[in-house]
Amino acid sequence: MPRILLVEDNEMNLDMLSRRLERRQFEVLIAMDGAQGVEMTRQHRPDLILMDMSLPIMDGWEATRRIKGDPALAHIPIIALTAHAIAGDRERCLAAGCNEYESKPVKFPRLLTKIEQMLGIESSGDATE
């Protein structure tokens, strides 16, 4: 079962994403801020990270740079989740080290496709639930 670390401080987003990912047979770990996300990445070595970029304590930009700056963790793909959807934000996320970008509100079918592609998982088909 692939392990996904969801780094998100909004409880409604956490609940929606974690439930939908668990229904798709992912193990979901949760961190509420960037510092906790970095620590949980070190401890649990998830297969993929969904990183909110606007977080308390340590933002997602810095958390991503720290994870990608650690040779033992740099291989873990990170998908940025952000309400920042203006020109240049995608490039800024990628420059910080994210492998992919998804704007909020998250369109789950599109996010699921990105997750499956990054993990090399055959598409699970309909992701509308």
N, C-alpha and C. Protein backbone atom coordinates (compact mmCIF):
# COMPACT_ATOMS: atom_id res chain seq x y z
N MET A 1 0.85 -1.18 0.00
CA MET A 1 0.00 0.00 0.00
C MET A 1 0.89 1.24 0.00
N PRO A 2 0.81 2.06 -1.04
CA PRO A 2 1.64 3.27 -1.08
C PRO A 2 1.29 4.22 0.07
N ARG A 3 2.32 4.85 0.60
CA ARG A 3 2.19 5.77 1.74
C ARG A 3 2.32 7.20 1.24
N ILE A 4 1.31 8.00 1.55
CA ILE A 4 1.31 9.42 1.18
C ILE A 4 1.31 10.26 2.44
N LEU A 5 2.21 11.22 2.49
CA LEU A 5 2.22 12.20 3.57
C LEU A 5 1.47 13.43 3.08
N LEU A 6 0.38 13.77 3.78
CA LEU A 6 -0.42 14.94 3.46
C LEU A 6 -0.07 16.03 4.46
N VAL A 7 0.57 17.08 3.97
CA VAL A 7 0.98 18.21 4.82
C VAL A 7 0.00 19.34 4.54
N GLU A 8 -0.93 19.54 5.47
CA GLU A 8 -2.05 20.47 5.24
C GLU A 8 -2.56 20.94 6.60
N ASP A 9 -2.82 22.24 6.72
CA ASP A 9 -3.31 22.77 7.99
C ASP A 9 -4.80 23.06 8.00
N ASN A 10 -5.46 22.94 6.86
CA ASN A 10 -6.90 23.18 6.79
C ASN A 10 -7.62 21.86 7.05
N GLU A 11 -8.39 21.81 8.14
CA GLU A 11 -9.02 20.55 8.54
C GLU A 11 -10.01 20.03 7.50
N MET A 12 -10.73 20.92 6.83
CA MET A 12 -11.68 20.46 5.81
C MET A 12 -10.93 19.81 4.65
N ASN A 13 -9.84 20.42 4.19
CA ASN A 13 -9.04 19.81 3.13
C ASN A 13 -8.43 18.50 3.58
N LEU A 14 -7.92 18.47 4.80
CA LEU A 14 -7.34 17.24 5.35
C LEU A 14 -8.34 16.11 5.32
N ASP A 15 -9.53 16.38 5.83
CA ASP A 15 -10.56 15.36 5.92
C ASP A 15 -10.96 14.85 4.54
N MET A 16 -11.22 15.78 3.62
CA MET A 16 -11.66 15.39 2.28
C MET A 16 -10.60 14.58 1.55
N LEU A 17 -9.37 15.09 1.55
CA LEU A 17 -8.31 14.39 0.82
C LEU A 17 -7.94 13.07 1.46
N SER A 18 -7.80 13.04 2.77
CA SER A 18 -7.39 11.79 3.41
C SER A 18 -8.43 10.69 3.21
N ARG A 19 -9.71 11.02 3.34
CA ARG A 19 -10.75 10.00 3.14
C ARG A 19 -10.75 9.49 1.71
N ARG A 20 -10.64 10.38 0.75
CA ARG A 20 -10.67 9.95 -0.65
C ARG A 20 -9.44 9.13 -1.01
N LEU A 21 -8.28 9.49 -0.48
CA LEU A 21 -7.06 8.72 -0.74
C LEU A 21 -7.13 7.34 -0.07
N GLU A 22 -7.63 7.29 1.16
CA GLU A 22 -7.76 6.00 1.85
C GLU A 22 -8.71 5.08 1.10
N ARG A 23 -9.78 5.63 0.54
CA ARG A 23 -10.70 4.80 -0.27
C ARG A 23 -10.00 4.22 -1.49
N ARG A 24 -8.95 4.89 -1.94
CA ARG A 24 -8.16 4.42 -3.08
C ARG A 24 -6.99 3.53 -2.65
N GLN A 25 -7.02 3.10 -1.39
CA GLN A 25 -6.04 2.16 -0.85
C GLN A 25 -4.65 2.76 -0.63
N PHE A 26 -4.60 4.05 -0.32
CA PHE A 26 -3.34 4.67 0.08
C PHE A 26 -3.31 4.74 1.59
N GLU A 27 -2.14 4.56 2.17
CA GLU A 27 -1.95 4.84 3.59
C GLU A 27 -1.65 6.33 3.68
N VAL A 28 -2.39 7.05 4.50
CA VAL A 28 -2.24 8.50 4.58
C VAL A 28 -1.70 8.89 5.95
N LEU A 29 -0.56 9.57 5.93
CA LEU A 29 0.02 10.17 7.13
C LEU A 29 -0.29 11.66 7.07
N ILE A 30 -0.46 12.29 8.22
CA ILE A 30 -0.86 13.70 8.24
C ILE A 30 0.12 14.53 9.07
N ALA A 31 0.50 15.67 8.50
CA ALA A 31 1.29 16.67 9.22
C ALA A 31 0.54 17.99 9.08
N MET A 32 0.51 18.77 10.16
CA MET A 32 -0.26 20.01 10.18
C MET A 32 0.57 21.26 9.89
N ASP A 33 1.89 21.13 9.80
CA ASP A 33 2.75 22.27 9.47
C ASP A 33 4.00 21.76 8.77
N GLY A 34 4.76 22.68 8.20
CA GLY A 34 5.93 22.30 7.43
C GLY A 34 7.02 21.62 8.24
N ALA A 35 7.24 22.09 9.47
CA ALA A 35 8.27 21.47 10.31
C ALA A 35 7.91 20.02 10.63
N GLN A 36 6.65 19.79 10.95
CA GLN A 36 6.19 18.42 11.22
C GLN A 36 6.28 17.59 9.94
N GLY A 37 6.01 18.19 8.79
CA GLY A 37 6.11 17.48 7.53
C GLY A 37 7.53 17.00 7.24
N VAL A 38 8.52 17.86 7.51
CA VAL A 38 9.92 17.48 7.32
C VAL A 38 10.27 16.33 8.27
N GLU A 39 9.89 16.46 9.53
CA GLU A 39 10.20 15.42 10.52
C GLU A 39 9.52 14.09 10.17
N MET A 40 8.26 14.15 9.77
CA MET A 40 7.55 12.91 9.41
C MET A 40 8.14 12.28 8.15
N THR A 41 8.62 13.11 7.23
CA THR A 41 9.29 12.57 6.04
C THR A 41 10.54 11.81 6.45
N ARG A 42 11.32 12.37 7.36
CA ARG A 42 12.53 11.69 7.85
C ARG A 42 12.19 10.38 8.55
N GLN A 43 11.15 10.39 9.36
CA GLN A 43 10.78 9.21 10.14
C GLN A 43 10.13 8.11 9.31
N HIS A 44 9.21 8.49 8.42
CA HIS A 44 8.35 7.50 7.77
C HIS A 44 8.68 7.23 6.31
N ARG A 45 9.50 8.05 5.69
CA ARG A 45 9.88 7.87 4.28
C ARG A 45 8.68 7.54 3.39
N PRO A 46 7.73 8.49 3.26
CA PRO A 46 6.55 8.22 2.43
C PRO A 46 6.93 8.04 0.97
N ASP A 47 6.03 7.45 0.21
CA ASP A 47 6.25 7.25 -1.22
C ASP A 47 6.01 8.54 -2.00
N LEU A 48 5.20 9.44 -1.43
CA LEU A 48 4.85 10.69 -2.09
C LEU A 48 4.37 11.67 -1.02
N ILE A 49 4.58 12.97 -1.27
CA ILE A 49 4.15 14.02 -0.35
C ILE A 49 3.22 14.98 -1.08
N LEU A 50 2.09 15.27 -0.45
CA LEU A 50 1.20 16.34 -0.91
C LEU A 50 1.45 17.50 0.03
N MET A 51 2.02 18.59 -0.48
CA MET A 51 2.51 19.68 0.35
C MET A 51 1.73 20.97 0.11
N ASP A 52 0.94 21.37 1.12
CA ASP A 52 0.34 22.70 1.07
C ASP A 52 1.50 23.69 1.16
N MET A 53 1.44 24.77 0.43
CA MET A 53 2.55 25.71 0.43
C MET A 53 2.39 26.81 1.48
N SER A 54 1.16 27.06 1.93
CA SER A 54 0.90 28.09 2.95
C SER A 54 0.62 27.39 4.27
N LEU A 55 1.66 27.22 5.07
CA LEU A 55 1.57 26.47 6.33
C LEU A 55 2.12 27.29 7.48
N PRO A 56 1.65 27.00 8.70
CA PRO A 56 2.23 27.66 9.87
C PRO A 56 3.59 27.06 10.24
N ILE A 57 4.31 27.72 11.09
CA ILE A 57 5.61 27.33 11.65
C ILE A 57 6.70 27.33 10.59
N MET A 58 6.57 26.47 9.58
CA MET A 58 7.48 26.46 8.43
C MET A 58 6.61 26.29 7.19
N ASP A 59 6.71 27.21 6.25
CA ASP A 59 5.84 27.10 5.06
C ASP A 59 6.28 25.94 4.16
N GLY A 60 5.42 25.63 3.22
CA GLY A 60 5.70 24.51 2.31
C GLY A 60 6.89 24.73 1.41
N TRP A 61 7.20 25.99 1.12
CA TRP A 61 8.37 26.30 0.28
C TRP A 61 9.64 25.83 1.00
N GLU A 62 9.77 26.23 2.26
CA GLU A 62 10.97 25.87 3.04
C GLU A 62 11.00 24.37 3.34
N ALA A 63 9.85 23.81 3.68
CA ALA A 63 9.80 22.37 3.96
C ALA A 63 10.23 21.57 2.73
N THR A 64 9.77 21.98 1.57
CA THR A 64 10.16 21.30 0.33
C THR A 64 11.66 21.42 0.10
N ARG A 65 12.20 22.63 0.28
CA ARG A 65 13.66 22.81 0.08
C ARG A 65 14.45 21.92 1.04
N ARG A 66 14.00 21.79 2.28
CA ARG A 66 14.72 20.95 3.24
C ARG A 66 14.65 19.47 2.88
N ILE A 67 13.49 19.03 2.46
CA ILE A 67 13.34 17.63 2.06
C ILE A 67 14.19 17.34 0.83
N LYS A 68 14.10 18.19 -0.18
CA LYS A 68 14.86 17.97 -1.41
C LYS A 68 16.35 18.19 -1.21
N GLY A 69 16.73 18.93 -0.17
CA GLY A 69 18.14 19.16 0.13
C GLY A 69 18.79 18.02 0.90
N ASP A 70 18.01 17.05 1.35
CA ASP A 70 18.52 15.90 2.08
C ASP A 70 18.67 14.74 1.09
N PRO A 71 19.90 14.29 0.81
CA PRO A 71 20.09 13.23 -0.18
C PRO A 71 19.29 11.96 0.09
N ALA A 72 19.00 11.69 1.36
CA ALA A 72 18.23 10.49 1.70
C ALA A 72 16.74 10.64 1.39
N LEU A 73 16.28 11.88 1.19
CA LEU A 73 14.86 12.14 0.98
C LEU A 73 14.55 12.75 -0.39
N ALA A 74 15.57 13.21 -1.07
CA ALA A 74 15.38 14.00 -2.30
C ALA A 74 14.60 13.26 -3.39
N HIS A 75 14.61 11.94 -3.36
CA HIS A 75 13.93 11.15 -4.39
C HIS A 75 12.41 11.12 -4.22
N ILE A 76 11.91 11.52 -3.05
CA ILE A 76 10.48 11.44 -2.77
C ILE A 76 9.75 12.53 -3.55
N PRO A 77 8.80 12.14 -4.41
CA PRO A 77 8.09 13.16 -5.18
C PRO A 77 7.18 14.00 -4.29
N ILE A 78 7.11 15.29 -4.61
CA ILE A 78 6.28 16.23 -3.87
C ILE A 78 5.35 16.94 -4.85
N ILE A 79 4.06 16.90 -4.54
CA ILE A 79 3.07 17.64 -5.31
C ILE A 79 2.64 18.83 -4.46
N ALA A 80 2.86 20.04 -4.98
CA ALA A 80 2.44 21.25 -4.28
C ALA A 80 0.93 21.39 -4.38
N LEU A 81 0.31 21.70 -3.25
CA LEU A 81 -1.12 22.03 -3.22
C LEU A 81 -1.21 23.48 -2.77
N THR A 82 -1.74 24.32 -3.62
CA THR A 82 -1.73 25.73 -3.25
C THR A 82 -2.89 26.50 -3.85
N ALA A 83 -3.36 27.46 -3.08
CA ALA A 83 -4.39 28.37 -3.58
C ALA A 83 -3.75 29.46 -4.43
N HIS A 84 -2.41 29.52 -4.42
CA HIS A 84 -1.69 30.48 -5.26
C HIS A 84 -1.78 30.00 -6.71
N ALA A 85 -2.60 30.65 -7.47
CA ALA A 85 -2.82 30.19 -8.84
C ALA A 85 -2.62 31.32 -9.85
N ILE A 86 -1.72 32.20 -9.53
CA ILE A 86 -1.44 33.28 -10.47
C ILE A 86 -0.22 32.91 -11.31
N ALA A 87 -0.02 33.65 -12.36
CA ALA A 87 1.10 33.38 -13.27
C ALA A 87 2.41 33.31 -12.49
N GLY A 88 3.17 32.29 -12.75
CA GLY A 88 4.47 32.13 -12.11
C GLY A 88 4.47 31.25 -10.88
N ASP A 89 3.29 30.99 -10.28
CA ASP A 89 3.26 30.19 -9.05
C ASP A 89 3.67 28.74 -9.31
N ARG A 90 3.23 28.18 -10.44
CA ARG A 90 3.63 26.81 -10.75
C ARG A 90 5.15 26.72 -10.86
N GLU A 91 5.73 27.67 -11.58
CA GLU A 91 7.18 27.68 -11.75
C GLU A 91 7.90 27.87 -10.42
N ARG A 92 7.33 28.71 -9.55
CA ARG A 92 7.92 28.94 -8.23
C ARG A 92 7.90 27.64 -7.40
N CYS A 93 6.79 26.89 -7.47
CA CYS A 93 6.71 25.62 -6.75
C CYS A 93 7.75 24.63 -7.29
N LEU A 94 7.86 24.56 -8.60
CA LEU A 94 8.83 23.64 -9.19
C LEU A 94 10.26 24.07 -8.85
N ALA A 95 10.51 25.36 -8.82
CA ALA A 95 11.85 25.86 -8.47
C ALA A 95 12.20 25.53 -7.01
N ALA A 96 11.20 25.47 -6.14
CA ALA A 96 11.44 25.12 -4.73
C ALA A 96 11.75 23.64 -4.57
N GLY A 97 11.46 22.84 -5.61
CA GLY A 97 11.76 21.41 -5.55
C GLY A 97 10.56 20.50 -5.74
N CYS A 98 9.38 21.08 -5.85
CA CYS A 98 8.19 20.25 -6.07
C CYS A 98 8.27 19.61 -7.46
N ASN A 99 7.74 18.41 -7.55
CA ASN A 99 7.75 17.70 -8.83
C ASN A 99 6.53 18.03 -9.67
N GLU A 100 5.47 18.46 -8.99
CA GLU A 100 4.21 18.75 -9.68
C GLU A 100 3.45 19.77 -8.87
N TYR A 101 2.36 20.28 -9.44
CA TYR A 101 1.62 21.40 -8.86
C TYR A 101 0.14 21.14 -9.06
N GLU A 102 -0.65 21.40 -8.03
CA GLU A 102 -2.11 21.29 -8.14
C GLU A 102 -2.72 22.47 -7.39
N SER A 103 -3.52 23.27 -8.09
CA SER A 103 -4.14 24.43 -7.45
C SER A 103 -5.38 24.01 -6.66
N LYS A 104 -5.69 24.84 -5.66
CA LYS A 104 -6.89 24.62 -4.85
C LYS A 104 -7.99 25.53 -5.37
N PRO A 105 -9.23 25.12 -5.31
CA PRO A 105 -9.67 23.87 -4.73
C PRO A 105 -9.23 22.69 -5.59
N VAL A 106 -8.81 21.63 -4.93
CA VAL A 106 -8.25 20.46 -5.60
C VAL A 106 -9.35 19.74 -6.39
N LYS A 107 -9.03 19.43 -7.62
CA LYS A 107 -9.89 18.58 -8.44
C LYS A 107 -9.34 17.16 -8.28
N PHE A 108 -10.03 16.36 -7.47
CA PHE A 108 -9.49 15.07 -7.07
C PHE A 108 -9.15 14.15 -8.25
N PRO A 109 -9.98 14.02 -9.27
CA PRO A 109 -9.59 13.13 -10.38
C PRO A 109 -8.25 13.51 -11.00
N ARG A 110 -8.02 14.81 -11.18
CA ARG A 110 -6.75 15.25 -11.77
C ARG A 110 -5.59 14.99 -10.81
N LEU A 111 -5.79 15.26 -9.51
CA LEU A 111 -4.75 14.98 -8.52
C LEU A 111 -4.44 13.49 -8.47
N LEU A 112 -5.46 12.66 -8.48
CA LEU A 112 -5.25 11.21 -8.43
C LEU A 112 -4.44 10.73 -9.63
N THR A 113 -4.72 11.28 -10.80
CA THR A 113 -3.96 10.91 -12.00
C THR A 113 -2.48 11.26 -11.81
N LYS A 114 -2.20 12.45 -11.27
CA LYS A 114 -0.81 12.85 -11.03
C LYS A 114 -0.14 11.92 -10.02
N ILE A 115 -0.85 11.58 -8.95
CA ILE A 115 -0.29 10.68 -7.93
C ILE A 115 0.04 9.33 -8.56
N GLU A 116 -0.91 8.77 -9.30
CA GLU A 116 -0.70 7.46 -9.93
C GLU A 116 0.47 7.50 -10.90
N GLN A 117 0.59 8.56 -11.68
CA GLN A 117 1.71 8.67 -12.63
C GLN A 117 3.03 8.73 -11.89
N MET A 118 3.10 9.52 -10.82
CA MET A 118 4.36 9.68 -10.08
C MET A 118 4.77 8.41 -9.36
N LEU A 119 3.79 7.61 -8.96
CA LEU A 119 4.09 6.37 -8.25
C LEU A 119 4.16 5.17 -9.18
N GLY A 120 3.89 5.39 -10.47
CA GLY A 120 3.94 4.28 -11.42
C GLY A 120 2.83 3.27 -11.20
N ILE A 121 1.67 3.77 -10.78
CA ILE A 121 0.52 2.91 -10.51
C ILE A 121 -0.41 2.97 -11.71
N GLU A 122 -0.93 1.81 -12.10
CA GLU A 122 -1.89 1.78 -13.18
C GLU A 122 -3.13 2.54 -12.74
N SER A 123 -3.68 3.33 -13.63
CA SER A 123 -4.84 4.17 -13.31
C SER A 123 -5.97 3.35 -12.71
N SER A 124 -6.56 3.89 -11.65
CA SER A 124 -7.65 3.20 -10.98
C SER A 124 -8.99 3.47 -11.66
N GLY A 125 -8.96 4.20 -12.76
CA GLY A 125 -10.19 4.47 -13.50
C GLY A 125 -10.94 5.66 -12.96
N ASP A 126 -12.23 5.52 -12.74
CA ASP A 126 -13.09 6.63 -12.32
C ASP A 126 -12.67 7.14 -10.95
N ALA A 127 -12.34 8.42 -10.89
CA ALA A 127 -11.91 9.04 -9.62
C ALA A 127 -12.91 10.08 -9.16
N THR A 128 -14.15 9.94 -9.58
CA THR A 128 -15.14 10.96 -9.25
C THR A 128 -15.69 10.85 -7.84
N GLU A 129 -15.49 9.73 -7.16
CA GLU A 129 -16.04 9.59 -5.81
C GLU A 129 -15.38 10.48 -4.81
